[in-house]
Amino acid sequence: MPPPERAMLELYRELDEDGQRAVEAVARDKKRLRDIEMQLQELAAVLQRLNLAP
């Protein structure tokens, strides 16, 4: 495991249960937002192609 990843895991393990749940919730939200961003980029590309099509 790379040192930065190991350090993050150690910090996570030092948190109490509520802190760990909060970190997990933020990570899930960030992933969800990243997924939505990807979908928006794909939709924008489709719209761009449709606007350029004769």
C-alpha atoms as a PDB file:
ATOM      1  CA  MET A   1       0.000   0.000   0.000  1.00  0.00           C
ATOM      2  CA  PRO A   2       1.431   3.415  -0.921  1.00  0.00           C
ATOM      3  CA  PRO A   3       2.416   5.601   2.070  1.00  0.00           C
ATOM      4  CA  PRO A   4      -0.270   8.284   1.469  1.00  0.00           C
ATOM      5  CA  GLU A   5      -2.967   5.607   1.329  1.00  0.00           C
ATOM      6  CA  ARG A   6      -1.600   3.964   4.472  1.00  0.00           C
ATOM      7  CA  ALA A   7      -1.604   7.329   6.273  1.00  0.00           C
ATOM      8  CA  MET A   8      -5.230   7.973   5.296  1.00  0.00           C
ATOM      9  CA  LEU A   9      -6.252   4.525   6.510  1.00  0.00           C
ATOM     10  CA  GLU A  10      -4.505   5.096   9.840  1.00  0.00           C
ATOM     11  CA  LEU A  11      -6.301   8.425  10.290  1.00  0.00           C
ATOM     12  CA  TYR A  12      -9.617   6.801   9.400  1.00  0.00           C
ATOM     13  CA  ARG A  13      -9.077   4.045  11.952  1.00  0.00           C
ATOM     14  CA  GLU A  14      -8.375   6.633  14.656  1.00  0.00           C
ATOM     15  CA  LEU A  15     -11.854   8.119  14.201  1.00  0.00           C
ATOM     16  CA  ASP A  16     -14.774   7.026  16.315  1.00  0.00           C
ATOM     17  CA  GLU A  17     -17.718   5.281  14.668  1.00  0.00           C
ATOM     18  CA  ASP A  18     -19.553   8.551  13.971  1.00  0.00           C
ATOM     19  CA  GLY A  19     -16.463  10.042  12.382  1.00  0.00           C
ATOM     20  CA  GLN A  20     -15.984   6.992  10.183  1.00  0.00           C
ATOM     21  CA  ARG A  21     -19.620   7.144   9.079  1.00  0.00           C
ATOM     22  CA  ALA A  22     -19.211  10.830   8.239  1.00  0.00           C
ATOM     23  CA  VAL A  23     -16.123  10.112   6.125  1.00  0.00           C
ATOM     24  CA  GLU A  24     -17.950   7.293   4.344  1.00  0.00           C
ATOM     25  CA  ALA A  25     -20.950   9.550   3.642  1.00  0.00           C
ATOM     26  CA  VAL A  26     -18.737  12.259   2.172  1.00  0.00           C
ATOM     27  CA  ALA A  27     -16.917   9.691   0.023  1.00  0.00           C
ATOM     28  CA  ARG A  28     -20.250   8.323  -1.269  1.00  0.00           C
ATOM     29  CA  ASP A  29     -21.485  11.846  -2.029  1.00  0.00           C
ATOM     30  CA  LYS A  30     -18.276  12.714  -3.839  1.00  0.00           C
ATOM     31  CA  LYS A  31     -18.517   9.556  -5.957  1.00  0.00           C
ATOM     32  CA  ARG A  32     -22.168  10.284  -6.727  1.00  0.00           C
ATOM     33  CA  LEU A  33     -21.309  13.834  -7.811  1.00  0.00           C
ATOM     34  CA  ARG A  34     -18.418  12.563  -9.933  1.00  0.00           C
ATOM     35  CA  ASP A  35     -20.773  10.075 -11.610  1.00  0.00           C
ATOM     36  CA  ILE A  36     -23.319  12.826 -12.289  1.00  0.00           C
ATOM     37  CA  GLU A  37     -20.570  15.022 -13.732  1.00  0.00           C
ATOM     38  CA  MET A  38     -19.551  12.226 -16.097  1.00  0.00           C
ATOM     39  CA  GLN A  39     -23.156  11.762 -17.209  1.00  0.00           C
ATOM     40  CA  LEU A  40     -23.492  15.496 -17.844  1.00  0.00           C
ATOM     41  CA  GLN A  41     -20.331  15.472 -19.936  1.00  0.00           C
ATOM     42  CA  GLU A  42     -21.699  12.570 -21.970  1.00  0.00           C
ATOM     43  CA  LEU A  43     -25.026  14.361 -22.460  1.00  0.00           C
ATOM     44  CA  ALA A  44     -23.238  17.550 -23.483  1.00  0.00           C
ATOM     45  CA  ALA A  45     -21.249  15.595 -26.076  1.00  0.00           C
ATOM     46  CA  VAL A  46     -24.450  14.052 -27.465  1.00  0.00           C
ATOM     47  CA  LEU A  47     -26.126  17.460 -27.648  1.00  0.00           C
ATOM     48  CA  GLN A  48     -23.063  18.901 -29.359  1.00  0.00           C
ATOM     49  CA  ARG A  49     -23.211  16.153 -31.991  1.00  0.00           C
ATOM     50  CA  LEU A  50     -26.946  16.666 -32.496  1.00  0.00           C
ATOM     51  CA  ASN A  51     -26.477  20.399 -32.984  1.00  0.00           C
ATOM     52  CA  LEU A  52     -23.730  19.798 -35.541  1.00  0.00           C
ATOM     53  CA  ALA A  53     -25.696  17.177 -37.478  1.00  0.00           C
ATOM     54  CA  PRO A  54     -27.450  18.440 -40.634  1.00  0.00           C
END
